[in-house]
């Protein structure tokens, strides 16, 4: 099984949506891929974290006919082992996540794919989740069309 890792800041909204959607689409296409997600700064959620996953992400998934498997994992801080275990790593917003990667995991900065999906401070959930949906669908299609390119040890994007 090949692995993809989605990163966002708090591992609560964008990366969680991408993880669940990717896993659904990959299974539908019969791909030998599984997604996980982590945060680059889960402390940003604060001590009053309201739960394992954003209500907005859950609602966005439900609107697409997807349910979140329970119990949903709580936000997790990315570690070196998470990055090393992934065949592909995607950070959902370059302007936000490249600096965090530089600070926390500088050896990985150029190995990460960076998307440009805003958090709630820059886009409504309808806009951000629709953009994530298109990007995840495109990634699934890419992986399905070029399976040899993503064999473990051959390419790490």
Protein backbone atom coordinates (compact mmCIF):
# COMPACT_ATOMS: atom_id res chain seq x y z
CA UNK A 1 0.00 0.00 0.00
CA UNK A 2 1.40 3.37 -0.99
CA UNK A 3 0.84 6.37 1.25
CA UNK A 4 -0.07 9.99 0.78
CA UNK A 5 0.13 12.50 3.60
CA UNK A 6 -1.94 15.68 3.62
CA UNK A 7 -0.68 18.53 5.78
CA UNK A 8 -2.40 21.66 7.01
CA UNK A 9 -1.85 23.80 10.06
CA UNK A 10 -4.11 22.22 12.66
CA UNK A 11 -5.09 18.86 11.08
CA UNK A 12 -8.67 19.78 11.79
CA UNK A 13 -10.32 21.06 8.59
CA UNK A 14 -8.58 21.08 5.19
CA UNK A 15 -6.21 18.14 5.54
CA UNK A 16 -8.92 16.01 7.15
CA UNK A 17 -11.36 16.71 4.32
CA UNK A 18 -8.66 15.84 1.77
CA UNK A 19 -7.75 12.63 3.62
CA UNK A 20 -11.30 11.25 3.73
CA UNK A 21 -12.11 12.30 0.17
CA UNK A 22 -8.86 10.85 -1.19
CA UNK A 23 -9.42 7.51 0.54
CA UNK A 24 -12.93 7.29 -0.88
CA UNK A 25 -11.87 8.15 -4.43
CA UNK A 26 -8.81 5.88 -4.36
CA UNK A 27 -10.95 2.97 -3.19
CA UNK A 28 -13.52 3.70 -5.91
CA UNK A 29 -10.77 3.56 -8.55
CA UNK A 30 -9.17 0.46 -7.05
CA UNK A 31 -5.89 2.23 -6.32
CA UNK A 32 -3.36 0.78 -3.90
CA UNK A 33 -3.09 4.10 -2.07
CA UNK A 34 -4.19 5.30 1.37
CA UNK A 35 -4.15 8.83 2.77
CA UNK A 36 -3.41 10.10 6.23
CA UNK A 37 -3.20 13.64 7.52
CA UNK A 38 -1.28 15.62 10.11
CA UNK A 39 -0.83 19.22 11.18
CA UNK A 40 2.22 21.41 11.12
CA UNK A 41 1.14 23.42 14.16
CA UNK A 42 -1.68 21.72 16.02
CA UNK A 43 -0.96 23.95 19.00
CA UNK A 44 -2.70 26.64 16.92
CA UNK A 45 -5.99 24.92 17.76
CA UNK A 46 -5.45 25.88 21.38
CA UNK A 47 -6.39 24.05 24.54
CA UNK A 48 -10.09 24.37 23.79
CA UNK A 49 -9.98 22.13 20.72
CA UNK A 50 -13.66 21.40 20.02
CA UNK A 51 -13.14 17.84 18.78
CA UNK A 52 -11.35 15.54 16.37
CA UNK A 53 -12.57 17.12 13.12
CA UNK A 54 -14.12 20.35 11.95
CA UNK A 55 -17.88 20.40 11.63
CA UNK A 56 -17.37 22.21 8.32
CA UNK A 57 -15.21 19.39 6.95
CA UNK A 58 -17.77 16.81 8.11
CA UNK A 59 -20.61 18.77 6.49
CA UNK A 60 -18.62 19.15 3.26
CA UNK A 61 -18.01 15.42 3.15
CA UNK A 62 -21.63 14.63 3.97
CA UNK A 63 -22.79 16.92 1.15
CA UNK A 64 -20.68 14.72 -1.14
CA UNK A 65 -22.29 11.55 0.21
CA UNK A 66 -19.35 10.61 2.45
CA UNK A 67 -19.36 9.80 6.14
CA UNK A 68 -16.39 10.00 8.47
CA UNK A 69 -15.44 6.68 10.03
CA UNK A 70 -15.79 6.78 13.79
CA UNK A 71 -13.96 7.25 15.94
CA UNK A 72 -12.23 9.96 13.92
CA UNK A 73 -8.63 10.53 14.89
CA UNK A 74 -7.77 13.65 16.80
CA UNK A 75 -5.45 16.23 15.23
CA UNK A 76 -1.87 14.98 15.12
CA UNK A 77 1.37 16.89 14.86
CA UNK A 78 3.47 15.72 11.90
CA UNK A 79 6.73 14.04 12.74
CA UNK A 80 9.73 12.90 10.76
CA UNK A 81 8.39 9.33 10.70
CA UNK A 82 5.12 10.52 9.11
CA UNK A 83 7.01 12.28 6.33
CA UNK A 84 9.37 9.35 5.76
CA UNK A 85 6.48 6.87 5.53
CA UNK A 86 4.72 8.85 2.80
CA UNK A 87 5.27 8.37 -0.91
CA UNK A 88 3.69 11.76 -1.62
CA UNK A 89 3.31 14.68 0.79
CA UNK A 90 0.90 17.53 0.05
CA UNK A 91 0.67 20.73 2.08
CA UNK A 92 -2.61 22.45 1.30
CA UNK A 93 -1.43 26.08 1.32
CA UNK A 94 2.08 27.01 0.28
CA UNK A 95 2.15 30.51 1.76
CA UNK A 96 1.14 29.14 5.14
CA UNK A 97 2.93 25.79 5.18
CA UNK A 98 6.26 26.31 3.43
CA UNK A 99 7.52 28.53 6.28
CA UNK A 100 6.41 25.95 8.85
CA UNK A 101 8.17 23.21 6.88
CA UNK A 102 11.32 25.37 6.72
CA UNK A 103 11.24 25.78 10.49
CA UNK A 104 10.22 22.24 11.52
CA UNK A 105 11.40 19.92 8.72
CA UNK A 106 13.81 21.80 6.44
CA UNK A 107 15.08 18.64 4.74
CA UNK A 108 11.56 18.03 3.44
CA UNK A 109 10.70 21.49 2.10
CA UNK A 110 11.43 20.70 -1.54
CA UNK A 111 9.92 17.21 -1.36
CA UNK A 112 6.45 18.52 -0.55
CA UNK A 113 3.80 19.43 -3.10
CA UNK A 114 2.20 22.72 -2.22
CA UNK A 115 -1.35 23.64 -3.08
CA UNK A 116 -2.98 27.05 -2.56
CA UNK A 117 -6.20 26.39 -0.64
CA UNK A 118 -7.14 29.09 1.85
CA UNK A 119 -8.26 28.45 5.40
CA UNK A 120 -11.41 30.06 6.79
CA UNK A 121 -9.67 33.44 7.04
CA UNK A 122 -9.38 33.59 3.24
CA UNK A 123 -12.21 31.52 1.76
CA UNK A 124 -15.65 30.27 2.64
CA UNK A 125 -15.97 26.52 3.24
CA UNK A 126 -17.92 26.18 -0.01
CA UNK A 127 -15.05 27.69 -1.99
CA UNK A 128 -12.17 26.03 -0.11
CA UNK A 129 -13.72 22.56 -0.03
CA UNK A 130 -14.71 22.73 -3.72
CA UNK A 131 -11.12 23.67 -4.56
CA UNK A 132 -9.77 20.84 -2.41
CA UNK A 133 -12.18 18.44 -4.06
CA UNK A 134 -10.90 19.35 -7.53
CA UNK A 135 -7.27 19.07 -6.45
CA UNK A 136 -7.79 15.71 -4.75
CA UNK A 137 -9.67 14.37 -7.78
CA UNK A 138 -6.82 15.55 -10.01
CA UNK A 139 -4.26 13.87 -7.78
CA UNK A 140 -6.21 10.59 -7.80
CA UNK A 141 -6.43 10.74 -11.59
CA UNK A 142 -2.69 11.44 -11.82
CA UNK A 143 -1.82 8.51 -9.56
CA UNK A 144 -4.15 6.22 -11.51
CA UNK A 145 -2.62 7.21 -14.85
CA UNK A 146 1.04 6.88 -13.82
CA UNK A 147 1.27 4.08 -11.25
CA UNK A 148 4.92 3.18 -11.94
CA UNK A 149 6.05 6.73 -11.33
CA UNK A 150 4.93 6.53 -7.73
CA UNK A 151 6.42 3.22 -6.70
CA UNK A 152 8.06 3.41 -3.29
CA UNK A 153 11.67 4.44 -3.64
CA UNK A 154 11.27 5.64 -7.23
CA UNK A 155 9.70 9.06 -6.89
CA UNK A 156 8.89 11.05 -3.80
CA UNK A 157 7.15 14.25 -4.73
